[in-house]
Amino acid sequence: MKDDQLLRYSRHILLPQLDIEGQQAIMSAHVMIIGLGGLGSPVALYLAAAGVGEFTLVDDDSVELTNLQRQIAHNTHTLDLSKVESAKTSMLAMNPEVTVHCHPVRADNEWLCQHLNGVTLMVDCSDNADIRYAMNDAALAKNIPWVSGAAVGFAGQVAVFDPREENSPCYRCLYPALSDDVLSCAESGVLSPVVGVIGSLQSTEALRLITKFGEKQHGCLHTWDALAGDWRRWKLSQREVCMCCENID
């Protein structure tokens, strides 16, 4: 590690749970982020600042004025620009050492399976049920962990799915049949810091998967209600009849 890198990442290196070995693992990681909106913005910026070496950004949307209330990777000067390019600009301004690949496309299972070679983990920051199911199925097919996040109104949730772990539930175990009707912020609204909180937690879980600090969180659902100021942690298990896990006792 170069002297300037030792200085840049010194506050990570001071943590005994990370040290130089943990920071080197972060710098060697390749993270795919699906969705560069309210959740994807803090995830992209925090992981770039943390020193993740390589990113694949996936989003087919462009920056709109209504996004700027909460999507902090974008700004007035990047209106109408693709979100992946806008986020890349912000990430490189934060840390010019990272490598960022941009894909202004809508991910599906086939596309994901074609682009997951060499990827360490995925972070789900989308607001689309079909994309989440595609990520789940691709993660199982490629044996890659992923961190899912969602936020709407005053509430949010984060879950970690890791098919490498024995008896770890998948996204379809949690939501066998989910509709996009309950996912959109466009109709329901969202408090801007809520996506920042949830995105920050997703970033933490991504770094946990990379460096293995602390307790494993796969198969856990964390929920936050900003109105009540209430955090909850739910332990998940494989569904007895799951079309993906095929775990029938």
C-alpha atoms as a PDB file:
ATOM      1  CA  MET A   1       0.000   0.000   0.000  1.00  0.00           C
ATOM      2  CA  LYS A   2       1.363   3.421  -0.953  1.00  0.00           C
ATOM      3  CA  ASP A   3       1.999   6.175   1.587  1.00  0.00           C
ATOM      4  CA  ASP A   4      -0.903   8.300   0.367  1.00  0.00           C
ATOM      5  CA  GLN A   5      -3.208   5.274   0.596  1.00  0.00           C
ATOM      6  CA  LEU A   6      -2.054   4.591   4.145  1.00  0.00           C
ATOM      7  CA  LEU A   7      -2.987   8.175   4.959  1.00  0.00           C
ATOM      8  CA  ARG A   8      -6.304   8.163   3.079  1.00  0.00           C
ATOM      9  CA  TYR A   9      -7.489   4.958   4.750  1.00  0.00           C
ATOM     10  CA  SER A  10      -5.770   5.481   8.107  1.00  0.00           C
ATOM     11  CA  ARG A  11      -9.032   5.634  10.077  1.00  0.00           C
ATOM     12  CA  HIS A  12      -9.965   2.206   8.745  1.00  0.00           C
ATOM     13  CA  ILE A  13      -6.511   0.796   9.381  1.00  0.00           C
ATOM     14  CA  LEU A  14      -6.665   1.966  13.007  1.00  0.00           C
ATOM     15  CA  LEU A  15      -9.639  -0.331  13.581  1.00  0.00           C
ATOM     16  CA  PRO A  16      -8.286  -3.676  14.865  1.00  0.00           C
ATOM     17  CA  GLN A  17     -11.171  -5.483  13.150  1.00  0.00           C
ATOM     18  CA  LEU A  18      -9.902  -4.169   9.794  1.00  0.00           C
ATOM     19  CA  ASP A  19      -6.211  -3.244   9.972  1.00  0.00           C
ATOM     20  CA  ILE A  20      -4.186  -3.208   6.757  1.00  0.00           C
ATOM     21  CA  GLU A  21      -5.427  -6.659   5.720  1.00  0.00           C
ATOM     22  CA  GLY A  22      -9.037  -5.534   5.858  1.00  0.00           C
ATOM     23  CA  GLN A  23      -8.330  -2.380   3.877  1.00  0.00           C
ATOM     24  CA  GLN A  24      -6.474  -4.385   1.260  1.00  0.00           C
ATOM     25  CA  ALA A  25      -9.502  -6.679   0.972  1.00  0.00           C
ATOM     26  CA  ILE A  26     -11.697  -3.618   0.430  1.00  0.00           C
ATOM     27  CA  MET A  27      -9.350  -2.292  -2.240  1.00  0.00           C
ATOM     28  CA  SER A  28      -9.394  -5.662  -4.016  1.00  0.00           C
ATOM     29  CA  ALA A  29     -13.194  -5.927  -4.013  1.00  0.00           C
ATOM     30  CA  HIS A  30     -15.523  -5.483  -6.985  1.00  0.00           C
ATOM     31  CA  VAL A  31     -19.027  -4.321  -6.046  1.00  0.00           C
ATOM     32  CA  MET A  32     -22.008  -4.195  -8.386  1.00  0.00           C
ATOM     33  CA  ILE A  33     -24.611  -1.576  -7.416  1.00  0.00           C
ATOM     34  CA  ILE A  34     -28.059  -1.927  -8.974  1.00  0.00           C
ATOM     35  CA  GLY A  35     -29.887   1.400  -8.843  1.00  0.00           C
ATOM     36  CA  LEU A  36     -28.194   4.777  -8.366  1.00  0.00           C
ATOM     37  CA  GLY A  37     -31.033   6.669  -6.725  1.00  0.00           C
ATOM     38  CA  GLY A  38     -31.791   7.417  -3.096  1.00  0.00           C
ATOM     39  CA  LEU A  39     -30.158   4.264  -1.739  1.00  0.00           C
ATOM     40  CA  GLY A  40     -27.535   3.804  -4.424  1.00  0.00           C
ATOM     41  CA  SER A  41     -26.180   7.317  -3.942  1.00  0.00           C
ATOM     42  CA  PRO A  42     -24.900   6.890  -0.357  1.00  0.00           C
ATOM     43  CA  VAL A  43     -23.854   3.307  -1.086  1.00  0.00           C
ATOM     44  CA  ALA A  44     -21.754   4.392  -4.069  1.00  0.00           C
ATOM     45  CA  LEU A  45     -20.198   7.353  -2.275  1.00  0.00           C
ATOM     46  CA  TYR A  46     -19.414   5.558   0.984  1.00  0.00           C
ATOM     47  CA  LEU A  47     -17.958   2.502  -0.712  1.00  0.00           C
ATOM     48  CA  ALA A  48     -15.880   4.678  -3.040  1.00  0.00           C
ATOM     49  CA  ALA A  49     -14.631   6.676  -0.063  1.00  0.00           C
ATOM     50  CA  ALA A  50     -13.888   3.410   1.759  1.00  0.00           C
ATOM     51  CA  GLY A  51     -11.631   2.382  -1.106  1.00  0.00           C
ATOM     52  CA  VAL A  52     -13.520  -0.390  -2.890  1.00  0.00           C
ATOM     53  CA  GLY A  53     -11.320  -0.901  -5.915  1.00  0.00           C
ATOM     54  CA  GLU A  54     -13.837  -1.604  -8.664  1.00  0.00           C
ATOM     55  CA  PHE A  55     -17.506  -0.869  -9.267  1.00  0.00           C
ATOM     56  CA  THR A  56     -20.124  -1.863 -11.783  1.00  0.00           C
ATOM     57  CA  LEU A  57     -23.018   0.624 -11.767  1.00  0.00           C
ATOM     58  CA  VAL A  58     -26.338  -0.426 -13.295  1.00  0.00           C
ATOM     59  CA  ASP A  59     -29.323   1.901 -13.807  1.00  0.00           C
ATOM     60  CA  ASP A  60     -31.295   2.857 -16.909  1.00  0.00           C
ATOM     61  CA  ASP A  61     -32.675   6.125 -15.476  1.00  0.00           C
ATOM     62  CA  SER A  62     -31.542   9.724 -15.947  1.00  0.00           C
ATOM     63  CA  VAL A  63     -31.279  12.415 -13.294  1.00  0.00           C
ATOM     64  CA  GLU A  64     -34.497  14.393 -12.772  1.00  0.00           C
ATOM     65  CA  LEU A  65     -35.200  17.431 -10.619  1.00  0.00           C
ATOM     66  CA  THR A  66     -37.408  15.403  -8.258  1.00  0.00           C
ATOM     67  CA  ASN A  67     -34.406  13.171  -7.500  1.00  0.00           C
ATOM     68  CA  LEU A  68     -32.299  15.919  -5.966  1.00  0.00           C
ATOM     69  CA  GLN A  69     -34.268  16.011  -2.695  1.00  0.00           C
ATOM     70  CA  ARG A  70     -32.571  12.769  -1.623  1.00  0.00           C
ATOM     71  CA  GLN A  71     -30.207  11.353  -4.274  1.00  0.00           C
ATOM     72  CA  ILE A  72     -26.949  12.887  -3.105  1.00  0.00           C
ATOM     73  CA  ALA A  73     -24.716  11.445  -5.848  1.00  0.00           C
ATOM     74  CA  HIS A  74     -26.434  13.810  -8.302  1.00  0.00           C
ATOM     75  CA  ASN A  75     -26.789  17.581  -8.495  1.00  0.00           C
ATOM     76  CA  THR A  76     -28.292  20.378 -10.564  1.00  0.00           C
ATOM     77  CA  HIS A  77     -25.409  20.245 -13.038  1.00  0.00           C
ATOM     78  CA  THR A  78     -26.077  16.574 -13.869  1.00  0.00           C
ATOM     79  CA  LEU A  79     -29.787  16.925 -14.653  1.00  0.00           C
ATOM     80  CA  ASP A  80     -30.756  14.760 -17.662  1.00  0.00           C
ATOM     81  CA  LEU A  81     -27.454  12.867 -17.456  1.00  0.00           C
ATOM     82  CA  SER A  82     -27.637   9.112 -16.948  1.00  0.00           C
ATOM     83  CA  LYS A  83     -27.547   8.270 -13.255  1.00  0.00           C
ATOM     84  CA  VAL A  84     -24.632   5.893 -13.672  1.00  0.00           C
ATOM     85  CA  GLU A  85     -22.480   8.578 -15.313  1.00  0.00           C
ATOM     86  CA  SER A  86     -23.562  11.188 -12.774  1.00  0.00           C
ATOM     87  CA  ALA A  87     -22.717   8.856  -9.888  1.00  0.00           C
ATOM     88  CA  LYS A  88     -19.388   7.952 -11.477  1.00  0.00           C
ATOM     89  CA  THR A  89     -18.443  11.635 -11.588  1.00  0.00           C
ATOM     90  CA  SER A  90     -19.222  12.037  -7.884  1.00  0.00           C
ATOM     91  CA  MET A  91     -17.384   8.850  -6.951  1.00  0.00           C
ATOM     92  CA  LEU A  92     -14.228   9.814  -8.834  1.00  0.00           C
ATOM     93  CA  ALA A  93     -14.325  13.260  -7.251  1.00  0.00           C
ATOM     94  CA  MET A  94     -14.437  11.482  -3.882  1.00  0.00           C
ATOM     95  CA  ASN A  95     -11.734   8.943  -4.736  1.00  0.00           C
ATOM     96  CA  PRO A  96      -9.950   9.078  -8.113  1.00  0.00           C
ATOM     97  CA  GLU A  97      -8.302   5.696  -7.478  1.00  0.00           C
ATOM     98  CA  VAL A  98     -11.480   3.654  -7.964  1.00  0.00           C
ATOM     99  CA  THR A  99     -12.474   2.035 -11.260  1.00  0.00           C
ATOM    100  CA  VAL A 100     -16.103   2.515 -12.308  1.00  0.00           C
ATOM    101  CA  HIS A 101     -17.911   0.666 -15.106  1.00  0.00           C
ATOM    102  CA  CYS A 102     -21.220   2.209 -16.181  1.00  0.00           C
ATOM    103  CA  HIS A 103     -24.154   0.280 -17.620  1.00  0.00           C
ATOM    104  CA  PRO A 104     -27.248   2.420 -18.351  1.00  0.00           C
ATOM    105  CA  VAL A 105     -29.460  -0.662 -18.657  1.00  0.00           C
ATOM    106  CA  ARG A 106     -32.260  -2.366 -16.735  1.00  0.00           C
ATOM    107  CA  ALA A 107     -30.810  -5.504 -15.213  1.00  0.00           C
ATOM    108  CA  ASP A 108     -32.482  -8.867 -15.665  1.00  0.00           C
ATOM    109  CA  ASN A 109     -31.370 -12.375 -14.756  1.00  0.00           C
ATOM    110  CA  GLU A 110     -29.673 -13.058 -18.085  1.00  0.00           C
ATOM    111  CA  TRP A 111     -27.758  -9.762 -18.056  1.00  0.00           C
ATOM    112  CA  LEU A 112     -26.668 -10.256 -14.453  1.00  0.00           C
ATOM    113  CA  CYS A 113     -25.400 -13.783 -15.014  1.00  0.00           C
ATOM    114  CA  GLN A 114     -23.343 -12.499 -17.952  1.00  0.00           C
ATOM    115  CA  HIS A 115     -21.746  -9.697 -15.918  1.00  0.00           C
ATOM    116  CA  LEU A 116     -21.175 -11.206 -12.457  1.00  0.00           C
ATOM    117  CA  ASN A 117     -17.858 -12.912 -13.184  1.00  0.00           C
ATOM    118  CA  GLY A 118     -15.269 -11.378 -10.873  1.00  0.00           C
ATOM    119  CA  VAL A 119     -17.868  -9.492  -8.813  1.00  0.00           C
ATOM    120  CA  THR A 120     -17.422  -9.820  -5.033  1.00  0.00           C
ATOM    121  CA  LEU A 121     -20.974  -8.881  -4.077  1.00  0.00           C
ATOM    122  CA  MET A 122     -24.060  -7.015  -5.258  1.00  0.00           C
ATOM    123  CA  VAL A 123     -25.956  -4.210  -3.534  1.00  0.00           C
ATOM    124  CA  ASP A 124     -29.639  -3.875  -4.361  1.00  0.00           C
ATOM    125  CA  CYS A 125     -30.667  -0.221  -4.428  1.00  0.00           C
ATOM    126  CA  SER A 126     -33.466  -0.613  -6.956  1.00  0.00           C
ATOM    127  CA  ASP A 127     -37.154   0.097  -6.490  1.00  0.00           C
ATOM    128  CA  ASN A 128     -38.342  -2.735  -8.704  1.00  0.00           C
ATOM    129  CA  ALA A 129     -39.524  -6.186  -7.604  1.00  0.00           C
ATOM    130  CA  ASP A 130     -38.587  -7.877 -10.877  1.00  0.00           C
ATOM    131  CA  ILE A 131     -35.005  -6.617 -10.589  1.00  0.00           C
ATOM    132  CA  ARG A 132     -34.769  -7.849  -7.001  1.00  0.00           C
ATOM    133  CA  TYR A 133     -35.972 -11.298  -7.980  1.00  0.00           C
ATOM    134  CA  ALA A 134     -33.491 -11.308 -10.868  1.00  0.00           C
ATOM    135  CA  MET A 135     -30.693 -10.378  -8.455  1.00  0.00           C
ATOM    136  CA  ASN A 136     -31.757 -13.132  -6.083  1.00  0.00           C
ATOM    137  CA  ASP A 137     -31.798 -15.779  -8.800  1.00  0.00           C
ATOM    138  CA  ALA A 138     -28.491 -14.619 -10.287  1.00  0.00           C
ATOM    139  CA  ALA A 139     -26.872 -14.563  -6.835  1.00  0.00           C
ATOM    140  CA  LEU A 140     -27.941 -18.159  -6.264  1.00  0.00           C
ATOM    141  CA  ALA A 141     -26.734 -19.209  -9.711  1.00  0.00           C
ATOM    142  CA  LYS A 142     -23.344 -17.518  -9.258  1.00  0.00           C
ATOM    143  CA  ASN A 143     -23.017 -18.152  -5.488  1.00  0.00           C
ATOM    144  CA  ILE A 144     -22.536 -14.431  -4.776  1.00  0.00           C
ATOM    145  CA  PRO A 145     -23.754 -12.573  -1.652  1.00  0.00           C
ATOM    146  CA  TRP A 146     -25.888  -9.462  -1.905  1.00  0.00           C
ATOM    147  CA  VAL A 147     -27.329  -6.742   0.288  1.00  0.00           C
ATOM    148  CA  SER A 148     -30.922  -5.661  -0.292  1.00  0.00           C
ATOM    149  CA  GLY A 149     -32.356  -2.337   0.826  1.00  0.00           C
ATOM    150  CA  ALA A 150     -35.694  -0.576   0.559  1.00  0.00           C
ATOM    151  CA  ALA A 151     -37.112   2.701   1.841  1.00  0.00           C
ATOM    152  CA  VAL A 152     -40.448   4.464   1.487  1.00  0.00           C
ATOM    153  CA  GLY A 153     -42.197   7.091   3.562  1.00  0.00           C
ATOM    154  CA  PHE A 154     -40.555   7.140   6.996  1.00  0.00           C
ATOM    155  CA  ALA A 155     -39.403   3.515   7.036  1.00  0.00           C
ATOM    156  CA  GLY A 156     -36.745   1.301   5.565  1.00  0.00           C
ATOM    157  CA  GLN A 157     -35.202  -2.135   5.731  1.00  0.00           C
ATOM    158  CA  VAL A 158     -31.964  -3.964   4.963  1.00  0.00           C
ATOM    159  CA  ALA A 159     -31.350  -7.689   4.527  1.00  0.00           C
ATOM    160  CA  VAL A 160     -28.244  -9.692   3.681  1.00  0.00           C
ATOM    161  CA  PHE A 161     -28.457 -12.828   1.558  1.00  0.00           C
ATOM    162  CA  ASP A 162     -25.451 -15.120   1.227  1.00  0.00           C
ATOM    163  CA  PRO A 163     -25.892 -18.367  -0.728  1.00  0.00           C
ATOM    164  CA  ARG A 164     -22.403 -19.442   0.358  1.00  0.00           C
ATOM    165  CA  GLU A 165     -23.733 -19.991   3.881  1.00  0.00           C
ATOM    166  CA  GLU A 166     -25.488 -23.262   4.723  1.00  0.00           C
ATOM    167  CA  ASN A 167     -29.286 -22.981   5.115  1.00  0.00           C
ATOM    168  CA  SER A 168     -29.196 -19.257   4.348  1.00  0.00           C
ATOM    169  CA  PRO A 169     -32.619 -17.997   3.187  1.00  0.00           C
ATOM    170  CA  CYS A 170     -32.994 -16.226  -0.131  1.00  0.00           C
ATOM    171  CA  TYR A 171     -35.065 -13.191  -1.097  1.00  0.00           C
ATOM    172  CA  ARG A 172     -37.913 -15.400  -2.309  1.00  0.00           C
ATOM    173  CA  CYS A 173     -38.034 -17.017   1.138  1.00  0.00           C
ATOM    174  CA  LEU A 174     -38.791 -13.557   2.543  1.00  0.00           C
ATOM    175  CA  TYR A 175     -41.025 -12.341  -0.293  1.00  0.00           C
ATOM    176  CA  PRO A 176     -42.401 -15.221  -2.406  1.00  0.00           C
ATOM    177  CA  ALA A 177     -44.592 -12.913  -4.519  1.00  0.00           C
ATOM    178  CA  LEU A 178     -43.937  -9.190  -4.238  1.00  0.00           C
ATOM    179  CA  SER A 179     -45.664  -6.479  -6.266  1.00  0.00           C
ATOM    180  CA  ASP A 180     -44.131  -3.194  -7.397  1.00  0.00           C
ATOM    181  CA  ASP A 181     -47.266  -1.501  -6.061  1.00  0.00           C
ATOM    182  CA  VAL A 182     -45.721  -1.346  -2.573  1.00  0.00           C
ATOM    183  CA  LEU A 183     -42.218  -0.259  -3.596  1.00  0.00           C
ATOM    184  CA  SER A 184     -42.467   3.152  -5.237  1.00  0.00           C
ATOM    185  CA  CYS A 185     -41.427   6.411  -3.599  1.00  0.00           C
ATOM    186  CA  ALA A 186     -42.896   8.331  -6.546  1.00  0.00           C
ATOM    187  CA  GLU A 187     -46.446   7.859  -5.274  1.00  0.00           C
ATOM    188  CA  SER A 188     -45.857   7.384  -1.539  1.00  0.00           C
ATOM    189  CA  GLY A 189     -43.038   9.881  -0.966  1.00  0.00           C
ATOM    190  CA  VAL A 190     -39.987   9.396   1.237  1.00  0.00           C
ATOM    191  CA  LEU A 191     -38.188  11.468   3.878  1.00  0.00           C
ATOM    192  CA  SER A 192     -34.801  12.294   2.386  1.00  0.00           C
ATOM    193  CA  PRO A 193     -32.548  11.222   5.316  1.00  0.00           C
ATOM    194  CA  VAL A 194     -34.297   7.844   5.512  1.00  0.00           C
ATOM    195  CA  VAL A 195     -32.650   6.685   2.286  1.00  0.00           C
ATOM    196  CA  GLY A 196     -29.327   7.949   3.647  1.00  0.00           C
ATOM    197  CA  VAL A 197     -29.691   5.886   6.813  1.00  0.00           C
ATOM    198  CA  ILE A 198     -30.673   2.739   4.932  1.00  0.00           C
ATOM    199  CA  GLY A 199     -27.995   3.246   2.275  1.00  0.00           C
ATOM    200  CA  SER A 200     -25.373   3.740   4.982  1.00  0.00           C
ATOM    201  CA  LEU A 201     -26.421   0.479   6.634  1.00  0.00           C
ATOM    202  CA  GLN A 202     -26.201  -1.276   3.264  1.00  0.00           C
ATOM    203  CA  SER A 203     -22.661   0.077   2.866  1.00  0.00           C
ATOM    204  CA  THR A 204     -21.753  -1.234   6.307  1.00  0.00           C
ATOM    205  CA  GLU A 205     -23.069  -4.691   5.461  1.00  0.00           C
ATOM    206  CA  ALA A 206     -21.194  -4.677   2.156  1.00  0.00           C
ATOM    207  CA  LEU A 207     -17.939  -3.901   3.972  1.00  0.00           C
ATOM    208  CA  ARG A 208     -18.758  -6.577   6.552  1.00  0.00           C
ATOM    209  CA  LEU A 209     -19.092  -9.160   3.769  1.00  0.00           C
ATOM    210  CA  ILE A 210     -15.792  -8.032   2.239  1.00  0.00           C
ATOM    211  CA  THR A 211     -13.721  -7.911   5.435  1.00  0.00           C
ATOM    212  CA  LYS A 212     -15.679 -10.331   7.672  1.00  0.00           C
ATOM    213  CA  PHE A 213     -15.679  -8.008  10.694  1.00  0.00           C
ATOM    214  CA  GLY A 214     -18.215  -8.531  13.481  1.00  0.00           C
ATOM    215  CA  GLU A 215     -21.134 -10.952  13.477  1.00  0.00           C
ATOM    216  CA  LYS A 216     -22.457 -12.346  10.216  1.00  0.00           C
ATOM    217  CA  GLN A 217     -25.799 -10.803   9.252  1.00  0.00           C
ATOM    218  CA  HIS A 218     -26.955 -13.136   6.479  1.00  0.00           C
ATOM    219  CA  GLY A 219     -30.527 -14.220   6.994  1.00  0.00           C
ATOM    220  CA  CYS A 220     -31.314 -11.142   9.092  1.00  0.00           C
ATOM    221  CA  LEU A 221     -33.807  -8.401   8.273  1.00  0.00           C
ATOM    222  CA  HIS A 222     -33.205  -5.003   9.870  1.00  0.00           C
ATOM    223  CA  THR A 223     -36.142  -2.575   9.870  1.00  0.00           C
ATOM    224  CA  TRP A 224     -36.292   1.079  10.893  1.00  0.00           C
ATOM    225  CA  ASP A 225     -39.335   3.230  11.591  1.00  0.00           C
ATOM    226  CA  ALA A 226     -38.297   6.884  11.676  1.00  0.00           C
ATOM    227  CA  LEU A 227     -41.688   8.002  13.020  1.00  0.00           C
ATOM    228  CA  ALA A 228     -41.328   5.816  16.111  1.00  0.00           C
ATOM    229  CA  GLY A 229     -37.522   5.905  16.200  1.00  0.00           C
ATOM    230  CA  ASP A 230     -37.623   2.122  16.323  1.00  0.00           C
ATOM    231  CA  TRP A 231     -34.985  -0.351  15.098  1.00  0.00           C
ATOM    232  CA  ARG A 232     -35.816  -4.047  14.875  1.00  0.00           C
ATOM    233  CA  ARG A 233     -33.859  -7.125  13.835  1.00  0.00           C
ATOM    234  CA  TRP A 234     -35.616 -10.208  12.525  1.00  0.00           C
ATOM    235  CA  LYS A 235     -33.974 -13.602  12.056  1.00  0.00           C
ATOM    236  CA  LEU A 236     -35.120 -15.257   8.835  1.00  0.00           C
ATOM    237  CA  SER A 237     -35.132 -18.906   7.875  1.00  0.00           C
ATOM    238  CA  GLN A 238     -35.541 -20.756   4.626  1.00  0.00           C
ATOM    239  CA  ARG A 239     -39.128 -21.168   3.531  1.00  0.00           C
ATOM    240  CA  GLU A 240     -40.196 -24.814   3.546  1.00  0.00           C
ATOM    241  CA  VAL A 241     -41.349 -24.584  -0.053  1.00  0.00           C
ATOM    242  CA  CYS A 242     -39.213 -22.086  -1.986  1.00  0.00           C
ATOM    243  CA  MET A 243     -38.925 -22.191  -5.759  1.00  0.00           C
ATOM    244  CA  CYS A 244     -35.237 -21.296  -5.454  1.00  0.00           C
ATOM    245  CA  CYS A 245     -34.005 -22.964  -2.281  1.00  0.00           C
ATOM    246  CA  GLU A 246     -36.045 -26.129  -2.802  1.00  0.00           C
ATOM    247  CA  ASN A 247     -35.811 -26.729   0.926  1.00  0.00           C
ATOM    248  CA  ILE A 248     -38.652 -29.098   1.808  1.00  0.00           C
ATOM    249  CA  ASP A 249     -38.454 -30.760   5.222  1.00  0.00           C
END
